[in-house]
């Protein structure tokens, strides 16, 4: 199954570093990320067709697990915030939690994965 997330702010690995892409898109084919970048670039490619399209407007999309972990730790330890994360495109919901996460962050991650599984 091909899933395309679009219209979100995407953290993409490009030219050897992470870059923020407004109106970004992520194309997932099964368990593999096929393309990450500007929505216009992704839609212009032959592989842009998707079985499901997720509108990520107003959301930060981080398709790289290492980048997610660094951002999560920055929010939690640097800013005193909480983060929730889930993996899209899997056969079952997958939540992203850390051993150091608070109960609130763990519950929020489960809630996020539950919502994603419904759509």
N, C-alpha and C. Protein backbone atom coordinates (compact mmCIF):
# COMPACT_ATOMS: atom_id res chain seq x y z
N UNK A 1 0.83 -1.17 0.00
CA UNK A 1 0.00 0.00 0.00
C UNK A 1 0.88 1.24 0.00
N UNK A 2 0.57 2.18 -0.87
CA UNK A 2 1.31 3.43 -0.95
C UNK A 2 0.53 4.52 -0.21
N UNK A 3 1.25 5.23 0.66
CA UNK A 3 0.67 6.32 1.44
C UNK A 3 1.48 7.58 1.14
N UNK A 4 0.76 8.68 0.92
CA UNK A 4 1.43 9.96 0.72
C UNK A 4 0.92 10.95 1.77
N UNK A 5 1.83 11.49 2.55
CA UNK A 5 1.52 12.56 3.49
C UNK A 5 1.91 13.85 2.79
N UNK A 6 1.00 14.83 2.79
CA UNK A 6 1.32 16.07 2.09
C UNK A 6 0.80 17.29 2.84
N UNK A 7 1.32 18.44 2.47
CA UNK A 7 0.97 19.75 3.03
C UNK A 7 1.53 19.97 4.43
N UNK A 8 2.33 19.06 4.94
CA UNK A 8 2.92 19.25 6.26
C UNK A 8 4.26 19.96 6.17
N UNK A 9 4.78 20.34 7.33
CA UNK A 9 6.14 20.84 7.41
C UNK A 9 7.01 19.61 7.65
N UNK A 10 7.89 19.31 6.71
CA UNK A 10 8.64 18.06 6.71
C UNK A 10 10.11 18.32 7.04
N UNK A 11 10.67 17.49 7.92
CA UNK A 11 12.10 17.51 8.17
C UNK A 11 12.70 16.47 7.22
N UNK A 12 13.43 16.96 6.21
CA UNK A 12 13.96 16.07 5.18
C UNK A 12 15.49 16.05 5.23
N UNK A 13 16.06 14.89 4.95
CA UNK A 13 17.52 14.76 4.85
C UNK A 13 17.87 15.04 3.39
N UNK A 14 18.48 16.20 3.16
CA UNK A 14 18.82 16.61 1.80
C UNK A 14 20.21 17.23 1.79
N UNK A 15 21.00 16.87 0.81
CA UNK A 15 22.34 17.47 0.63
C UNK A 15 23.21 17.33 1.88
N UNK A 16 23.08 16.19 2.56
CA UNK A 16 23.93 15.90 3.70
C UNK A 16 23.54 16.51 5.02
N UNK A 17 22.33 17.10 5.10
CA UNK A 17 21.88 17.66 6.37
C UNK A 17 20.35 17.68 6.41
N UNK A 18 19.82 17.87 7.61
CA UNK A 18 18.37 17.98 7.76
C UNK A 18 17.92 19.37 7.35
N UNK A 19 16.83 19.44 6.59
CA UNK A 19 16.27 20.71 6.17
C UNK A 19 14.78 20.71 6.45
N UNK A 20 14.26 21.89 6.74
CA UNK A 20 12.82 22.06 6.95
C UNK A 20 12.19 22.41 5.61
N UNK A 21 11.17 21.65 5.21
CA UNK A 21 10.49 21.87 3.94
C UNK A 21 9.03 22.20 4.23
N UNK A 22 8.64 23.45 3.93
CA UNK A 22 7.23 23.83 4.06
C UNK A 22 6.46 23.24 2.89
N UNK A 23 5.20 22.92 3.10
CA UNK A 23 4.36 22.25 2.10
C UNK A 23 5.10 21.03 1.55
N UNK A 24 5.56 20.21 2.46
CA UNK A 24 6.33 19.03 2.11
C UNK A 24 5.45 17.80 1.93
N UNK A 25 6.08 16.74 1.47
CA UNK A 25 5.39 15.48 1.26
C UNK A 25 6.33 14.33 1.56
N UNK A 26 5.73 13.23 1.99
CA UNK A 26 6.46 11.99 2.22
C UNK A 26 5.69 10.88 1.51
N UNK A 27 6.37 10.09 0.71
CA UNK A 27 5.75 8.98 0.01
C UNK A 27 6.28 7.68 0.60
N UNK A 28 5.35 6.85 1.09
CA UNK A 28 5.69 5.59 1.73
C UNK A 28 5.11 4.45 0.90
N UNK A 29 5.92 3.45 0.58
CA UNK A 29 5.45 2.26 -0.14
C UNK A 29 5.69 1.06 0.76
N UNK A 30 4.61 0.56 1.36
CA UNK A 30 4.74 -0.53 2.32
C UNK A 30 5.46 -0.05 3.55
N UNK A 31 6.64 -0.59 3.81
CA UNK A 31 7.41 -0.18 4.98
C UNK A 31 8.61 0.68 4.60
N UNK A 32 8.67 1.12 3.35
CA UNK A 32 9.81 1.91 2.89
C UNK A 32 9.41 3.34 2.54
N UNK A 33 10.23 4.28 2.95
CA UNK A 33 10.04 5.67 2.54
C UNK A 33 10.66 5.82 1.16
N UNK A 34 9.84 6.17 0.19
CA UNK A 34 10.28 6.26 -1.20
C UNK A 34 10.81 7.64 -1.53
N UNK A 35 10.15 8.68 -1.02
CA UNK A 35 10.55 10.05 -1.34
C UNK A 35 10.15 10.99 -0.22
N UNK A 36 10.99 11.99 0.00
CA UNK A 36 10.74 13.04 1.00
C UNK A 36 11.18 14.35 0.38
N UNK A 37 10.34 15.37 0.48
CA UNK A 37 10.74 16.67 -0.06
C UNK A 37 9.57 17.59 -0.25
N UNK A 38 9.75 18.58 -1.11
CA UNK A 38 8.69 19.53 -1.41
C UNK A 38 7.55 18.80 -2.12
N UNK A 39 6.33 19.16 -1.78
CA UNK A 39 5.15 18.50 -2.35
C UNK A 39 5.17 18.56 -3.87
N UNK A 40 5.52 19.70 -4.44
CA UNK A 40 5.55 19.84 -5.90
C UNK A 40 6.54 18.86 -6.54
N UNK A 41 7.69 18.67 -5.90
CA UNK A 41 8.69 17.73 -6.42
C UNK A 41 8.18 16.29 -6.36
N UNK A 42 7.56 15.94 -5.23
CA UNK A 42 7.07 14.57 -5.05
C UNK A 42 5.95 14.27 -6.04
N UNK A 43 5.02 15.22 -6.22
CA UNK A 43 3.89 14.99 -7.13
C UNK A 43 4.30 14.94 -8.58
N UNK A 44 5.45 15.52 -8.92
CA UNK A 44 5.89 15.50 -10.32
C UNK A 44 6.52 14.17 -10.72
N UNK A 45 6.86 13.33 -9.76
CA UNK A 45 7.50 12.05 -10.05
C UNK A 45 6.50 10.97 -10.41
N UNK A 46 6.97 9.95 -11.12
CA UNK A 46 6.10 8.84 -11.52
C UNK A 46 5.62 8.03 -10.32
N UNK A 47 6.41 8.01 -9.26
CA UNK A 47 6.07 7.20 -8.09
C UNK A 47 5.12 7.92 -7.14
N UNK A 48 4.55 9.05 -7.56
CA UNK A 48 3.74 9.87 -6.65
C UNK A 48 2.35 9.32 -6.39
N UNK A 49 1.89 8.35 -7.17
CA UNK A 49 0.55 7.79 -6.98
C UNK A 49 0.47 7.10 -5.62
N UNK A 50 -0.66 7.31 -4.93
CA UNK A 50 -0.81 6.73 -3.60
C UNK A 50 -2.21 6.15 -3.44
N UNK A 51 -2.30 5.07 -2.65
CA UNK A 51 -3.59 4.47 -2.31
C UNK A 51 -4.31 5.30 -1.26
N UNK A 52 -3.53 5.96 -0.41
CA UNK A 52 -4.10 6.78 0.66
C UNK A 52 -3.30 8.07 0.75
N UNK A 53 -3.99 9.20 0.89
CA UNK A 53 -3.35 10.50 1.04
C UNK A 53 -3.74 11.07 2.40
N UNK A 54 -2.75 11.47 3.16
CA UNK A 54 -2.96 12.04 4.49
C UNK A 54 -2.66 13.53 4.41
N UNK A 55 -3.61 14.35 4.81
CA UNK A 55 -3.40 15.80 4.86
C UNK A 55 -2.71 16.12 6.17
N UNK A 56 -1.45 16.52 6.09
CA UNK A 56 -0.66 16.82 7.28
C UNK A 56 -0.57 18.32 7.54
N UNK A 57 -1.51 19.08 7.01
CA UNK A 57 -1.52 20.53 7.22
C UNK A 57 -1.44 20.85 8.71
N UNK A 58 -0.57 21.78 9.06
CA UNK A 58 -0.43 22.19 10.45
C UNK A 58 0.35 21.21 11.31
N UNK A 59 0.96 20.20 10.69
CA UNK A 59 1.71 19.19 11.45
C UNK A 59 3.17 19.17 11.03
N UNK A 60 4.00 18.76 11.94
CA UNK A 60 5.41 18.56 11.67
C UNK A 60 5.62 17.08 11.39
N UNK A 61 6.14 16.75 10.21
CA UNK A 61 6.33 15.36 9.79
C UNK A 61 7.84 15.07 9.78
N UNK A 62 8.23 14.06 10.55
CA UNK A 62 9.65 13.71 10.65
C UNK A 62 9.82 12.25 10.27
N UNK A 63 10.15 11.97 9.01
CA UNK A 63 10.25 10.58 8.57
C UNK A 63 11.55 9.88 8.95
N UNK A 64 12.45 10.58 9.61
CA UNK A 64 13.74 10.02 10.01
C UNK A 64 13.73 9.80 11.52
N UNK A 65 13.91 8.58 11.96
CA UNK A 65 13.83 8.24 13.39
C UNK A 65 14.88 8.97 14.21
N UNK A 66 16.09 9.10 13.69
CA UNK A 66 17.14 9.81 14.43
C UNK A 66 16.79 11.29 14.60
N UNK A 67 16.27 11.91 13.55
CA UNK A 67 15.87 13.31 13.65
C UNK A 67 14.74 13.46 14.66
N UNK A 68 13.78 12.52 14.62
CA UNK A 68 12.68 12.56 15.59
C UNK A 68 13.22 12.50 17.02
N UNK A 69 14.14 11.60 17.27
CA UNK A 69 14.68 11.43 18.61
C UNK A 69 15.39 12.70 19.10
N UNK A 70 16.18 13.32 18.20
CA UNK A 70 16.87 14.55 18.59
C UNK A 70 15.89 15.68 18.88
N UNK A 71 14.86 15.81 18.05
CA UNK A 71 13.87 16.87 18.25
C UNK A 71 13.06 16.62 19.52
N UNK A 72 12.67 15.37 19.74
CA UNK A 72 11.94 14.99 20.94
C UNK A 72 12.72 15.37 22.19
N UNK A 73 13.99 14.99 22.23
CA UNK A 73 14.82 15.28 23.40
C UNK A 73 15.01 16.78 23.57
N UNK A 74 15.11 17.53 22.47
CA UNK A 74 15.24 18.99 22.56
C UNK A 74 14.00 19.61 23.17
N UNK A 75 12.81 19.15 22.75
CA UNK A 75 11.56 19.66 23.32
C UNK A 75 11.45 19.33 24.80
N UNK A 76 11.74 18.08 25.14
CA UNK A 76 11.55 17.62 26.51
C UNK A 76 12.58 18.22 27.45
N UNK A 77 13.87 18.07 27.13
CA UNK A 77 14.91 18.49 28.05
C UNK A 77 15.28 19.96 27.89
N UNK A 78 15.21 20.48 26.68
CA UNK A 78 15.57 21.87 26.45
C UNK A 78 14.43 22.83 26.69
N UNK A 79 13.21 22.39 26.38
CA UNK A 79 12.08 23.29 26.48
C UNK A 79 11.04 22.93 27.51
N UNK A 80 11.19 21.78 28.14
CA UNK A 80 10.23 21.36 29.15
C UNK A 80 8.90 20.92 28.58
N UNK A 81 8.87 20.54 27.30
CA UNK A 81 7.62 20.14 26.65
C UNK A 81 7.41 18.64 26.67
N UNK A 82 6.37 18.22 25.98
CA UNK A 82 6.05 16.81 25.82
C UNK A 82 5.87 16.54 24.33
N UNK A 83 6.19 15.35 23.88
CA UNK A 83 6.04 14.98 22.47
C UNK A 83 5.32 13.64 22.36
N UNK A 84 4.60 13.49 21.26
CA UNK A 84 3.95 12.22 20.95
C UNK A 84 4.37 11.84 19.54
N UNK A 85 4.58 10.55 19.31
CA UNK A 85 4.99 10.11 17.98
C UNK A 85 4.41 8.77 17.63
N UNK A 86 4.20 8.56 16.33
CA UNK A 86 3.74 7.26 15.84
C UNK A 86 4.31 7.04 14.45
N UNK A 87 4.29 5.79 14.02
CA UNK A 87 4.79 5.40 12.71
C UNK A 87 3.59 5.14 11.80
N UNK A 88 3.60 5.75 10.61
CA UNK A 88 2.54 5.52 9.63
C UNK A 88 2.99 4.47 8.62
N UNK A 89 2.04 3.76 8.06
CA UNK A 89 2.33 2.81 7.00
C UNK A 89 2.54 1.38 7.45
N UNK A 90 2.50 1.13 8.73
CA UNK A 90 2.69 -0.23 9.24
C UNK A 90 1.36 -0.98 9.26
N UNK A 91 1.41 -2.28 9.39
CA UNK A 91 0.19 -3.09 9.44
C UNK A 91 -0.61 -2.83 10.72
N UNK A 92 0.08 -2.42 11.76
CA UNK A 92 -0.57 -2.12 13.04
C UNK A 92 0.03 -0.83 13.58
N UNK A 93 -0.69 -0.12 14.44
CA UNK A 93 -0.14 1.11 15.00
C UNK A 93 1.17 0.87 15.75
N UNK A 94 2.12 1.75 15.54
CA UNK A 94 3.40 1.70 16.24
C UNK A 94 3.58 3.04 16.94
N UNK A 95 3.82 3.00 18.24
CA UNK A 95 4.03 4.24 18.99
C UNK A 95 5.52 4.43 19.23
N UNK A 96 5.93 5.69 19.25
CA UNK A 96 7.32 6.02 19.53
C UNK A 96 7.40 6.60 20.93
N UNK A 97 8.01 5.85 21.82
CA UNK A 97 8.20 6.33 23.18
C UNK A 97 9.64 6.08 23.60
N UNK A 98 10.02 6.74 24.65
CA UNK A 98 11.35 6.58 25.21
C UNK A 98 11.19 6.10 26.66
N UNK A 99 12.20 5.44 27.17
CA UNK A 99 12.16 5.01 28.57
C UNK A 99 11.97 6.20 29.50
N UNK A 100 12.46 7.35 29.09
CA UNK A 100 12.39 8.54 29.94
C UNK A 100 11.09 9.33 29.77
N UNK A 101 10.21 8.93 28.85
CA UNK A 101 8.96 9.66 28.62
C UNK A 101 8.05 9.64 29.83
N UNK A 102 7.33 10.74 30.00
CA UNK A 102 6.33 10.83 31.07
C UNK A 102 5.11 10.00 30.69
N UNK A 103 4.25 9.78 31.66
CA UNK A 103 3.00 9.07 31.40
C UNK A 103 2.17 9.82 30.37
N UNK A 104 2.13 11.15 30.46
CA UNK A 104 1.36 11.96 29.51
C UNK A 104 1.86 11.77 28.09
N UNK A 105 3.18 11.75 27.89
CA UNK A 105 3.75 11.57 26.55
C UNK A 105 3.43 10.18 26.00
N UNK A 106 3.47 9.17 26.86
CA UNK A 106 3.16 7.81 26.42
C UNK A 106 1.69 7.68 26.02
N UNK A 107 0.80 8.25 26.81
CA UNK A 107 -0.64 8.20 26.50
C UNK A 107 -0.91 8.98 25.22
N UNK A 108 -0.26 10.13 25.06
CA UNK A 108 -0.45 10.92 23.84
C UNK A 108 0.03 10.16 22.60
N UNK A 109 1.12 9.42 22.72
CA UNK A 109 1.62 8.63 21.59
C UNK A 109 0.64 7.53 21.21
N UNK A 110 0.06 6.87 22.20
CA UNK A 110 -0.93 5.83 21.94
C UNK A 110 -2.17 6.44 21.29
N UNK A 111 -2.61 7.60 21.79
CA UNK A 111 -3.78 8.27 21.21
C UNK A 111 -3.50 8.67 19.76
N UNK A 112 -2.31 9.19 19.49
CA UNK A 112 -1.95 9.58 18.13
C UNK A 112 -1.95 8.38 17.19
N UNK A 113 -1.38 7.27 17.62
CA UNK A 113 -1.35 6.06 16.79
C UNK A 113 -2.77 5.54 16.56
N UNK A 114 -3.62 5.62 17.57
CA UNK A 114 -5.02 5.18 17.43
C UNK A 114 -5.76 6.02 16.40
N UNK A 115 -5.55 7.33 16.46
CA UNK A 115 -6.19 8.21 15.48
C UNK A 115 -5.69 7.93 14.07
N UNK A 116 -4.38 7.74 13.94
CA UNK A 116 -3.80 7.46 12.62
C UNK A 116 -4.33 6.14 12.05
N UNK A 117 -4.54 5.15 12.92
CA UNK A 117 -5.02 3.85 12.45
C UNK A 117 -6.45 3.93 11.93
N UNK A 118 -7.23 4.90 12.39
CA UNK A 118 -8.61 5.04 11.97
C UNK A 118 -8.73 5.70 10.59
N UNK A 119 -7.68 6.37 10.15
CA UNK A 119 -7.77 7.11 8.88
C UNK A 119 -6.93 6.50 7.81
